Protein backbone atom coordinates (compact mmCIF):
# COMPACT_ATOMS: atom_id res chain seq x y z
CA MET A 1 93.87 99.43 111.67
CA PRO A 2 95.87 102.05 113.58
CA GLU A 3 95.31 105.71 112.85
CA THR A 4 98.68 107.27 111.88
CA LEU A 5 99.32 110.43 113.89
CA MET A 6 102.98 111.14 113.24
CA VAL A 7 105.67 110.31 110.69
CA GLU A 8 109.35 111.01 111.24
CA PHE A 9 112.39 110.29 109.06
CA GLY A 10 115.98 109.40 109.83
CA MET A 11 119.29 108.55 108.21
CA GLY A 12 122.12 106.48 109.58
CA SER A 13 125.40 105.06 108.36
CA SER A 14 128.00 102.41 109.01
CA LEU A 15 131.21 104.07 107.91
CA ARG A 16 133.78 101.28 108.08
CA ARG A 17 132.16 98.02 109.22
CA GLY A 18 129.80 97.60 106.27
CA ASP A 19 127.05 96.71 108.75
CA HIS A 20 123.51 97.20 107.43
CA THR A 21 121.92 96.65 110.86
CA GLN A 22 124.21 99.25 112.45
CA ALA A 23 123.31 101.81 109.76
CA ALA A 24 119.58 101.07 110.16
CA THR A 25 119.79 101.28 113.97
CA ARG A 26 121.46 104.67 113.72
CA ALA A 27 118.75 105.82 111.31
CA VAL A 28 116.05 104.75 113.78
CA ARG A 29 117.75 106.65 116.59
CA ASP A 30 118.09 109.67 114.33
CA ALA A 31 114.33 109.61 113.67
CA LEU A 32 113.53 109.16 117.36
CA TRP A 33 115.82 111.97 118.47
CA HIS A 34 114.03 114.44 116.15
CA ASN A 35 110.98 114.34 118.39
CA SER A 36 109.87 113.77 121.90
CA ILE A 37 107.02 111.42 121.10
CA ASN A 38 104.31 112.45 123.58
CA LEU A 39 101.39 111.17 121.54
CA ALA A 40 100.29 108.64 124.16
CA GLU A 41 99.80 111.30 126.80
CA LEU A 42 98.15 113.67 124.34
CA PHE A 43 95.47 111.13 123.42
CA GLY A 44 95.15 109.45 126.82
CA PHE A 45 96.76 106.14 125.84
CA ASP A 46 99.43 104.10 127.55
CA LYS A 47 102.79 104.18 125.71
CA LYS A 48 102.67 100.41 125.33
CA ASP A 49 99.61 100.89 123.07
CA MET A 50 101.64 102.74 120.43
CA ARG A 51 101.53 101.13 116.97
CA ILE A 52 104.86 101.80 115.32
CA THR A 53 105.55 101.02 111.69
CA LEU A 54 109.19 101.21 110.72
CA ASP A 55 110.09 101.25 107.02
CA VAL A 56 113.81 100.76 106.43
CA GLY A 57 115.64 101.28 103.13
CA VAL A 58 119.08 99.72 102.61
CA GLN A 59 120.83 98.21 99.62
CA GLN A 60 120.84 94.73 101.19
CA PRO A 61 117.64 94.38 103.28
CA ASP A 62 118.35 90.70 103.96
CA LYS A 63 121.38 91.76 106.04
CA VAL A 64 119.29 93.78 108.53
CA ASP A 65 118.36 92.21 111.88
CA ALA A 66 114.75 93.35 112.41
CA GLU A 67 114.83 92.24 116.06
CA ALA A 68 117.78 94.56 116.73
CA LEU A 69 115.71 97.44 115.33
CA ARG A 70 112.69 96.52 117.48
CA ALA A 71 114.96 96.53 120.54
CA VAL A 72 115.68 100.27 120.05
CA PHE A 73 112.07 101.08 121.02
CA PRO A 74 111.39 101.08 124.76
CA TYR A 75 107.64 100.47 124.27
CA GLY A 76 104.96 99.97 121.66
CA HIS A 77 104.13 97.33 119.07
CA VAL A 78 106.75 97.62 116.32
CA THR A 79 106.32 96.33 112.77
CA VAL A 80 109.51 96.39 110.70
CA ASN A 81 109.33 96.51 106.90
CA LEU A 82 112.65 96.12 105.08
CA HIS A 83 112.99 97.61 101.57
CA LEU A 84 115.60 98.01 98.90
CA GLY A 85 116.86 101.57 99.26
CA GLY A 86 119.58 103.55 100.97
CA LEU A 87 123.04 103.69 99.43
CA ASP A 88 126.26 101.68 99.54
CA VAL A 89 129.24 103.95 98.82
CA PRO A 90 132.53 102.26 97.86
CA ARG A 91 135.42 103.25 100.10
CA PRO A 92 138.52 104.67 98.40
CA ASP A 93 140.84 102.44 100.46
CA GLY A 94 139.25 99.38 98.80
CA ASP A 95 138.96 97.36 102.03
CA GLY A 96 135.89 95.61 100.65
CA HIS A 97 133.40 97.26 103.02
CA PRO A 98 131.42 100.12 101.53
CA THR A 99 129.97 102.89 103.66
CA ILE A 100 126.35 101.85 104.25
CA MET A 101 123.63 104.50 104.35
CA ALA A 102 120.15 103.62 105.61
CA ASN A 103 116.95 105.64 105.53
CA VAL A 104 113.92 105.07 107.73
CA ALA A 105 110.37 106.31 107.96
CA LEU A 106 108.84 105.91 111.41
CA SER A 107 105.03 106.08 111.65
CA VAL A 108 103.30 106.18 115.03
CA GLY A 109 99.62 105.70 115.70
CA PHE A 110 97.03 104.07 117.93
CA ASP A 111 93.99 101.93 117.43
CA MET A 112 91.45 104.74 117.72
CA GLU A 113 87.71 104.66 117.45
CA ARG A 114 86.43 107.23 114.97
CA VAL A 115 83.58 109.40 116.28
CA ASP A 116 81.35 111.10 113.71
CA GLY A 117 79.01 113.89 114.50
């Protein structure tokens, strides 16, 4: 099991298209842009060894394309977990597409051997 070394959070929205994947993708980018993730170098690992767990909250998780979210990451092993969360806000113009808000929690770790002593 990977040892979690960092957790970052992000929020994204789809203002007019009502696109849950777009909102989630923007939330992932928001979380990534908060940090320069240099954990691999710090611990002497290759970036491809990163274990990334992405928890995504939107009102309609079945409408999120998990592969599109994985594609945002340039390296690492990404696990996407979709949850009921976020917020759908009705638009005053009544066009049928609410503003979609997505929240993500991004956890990064590595398979590390614990040394006692």
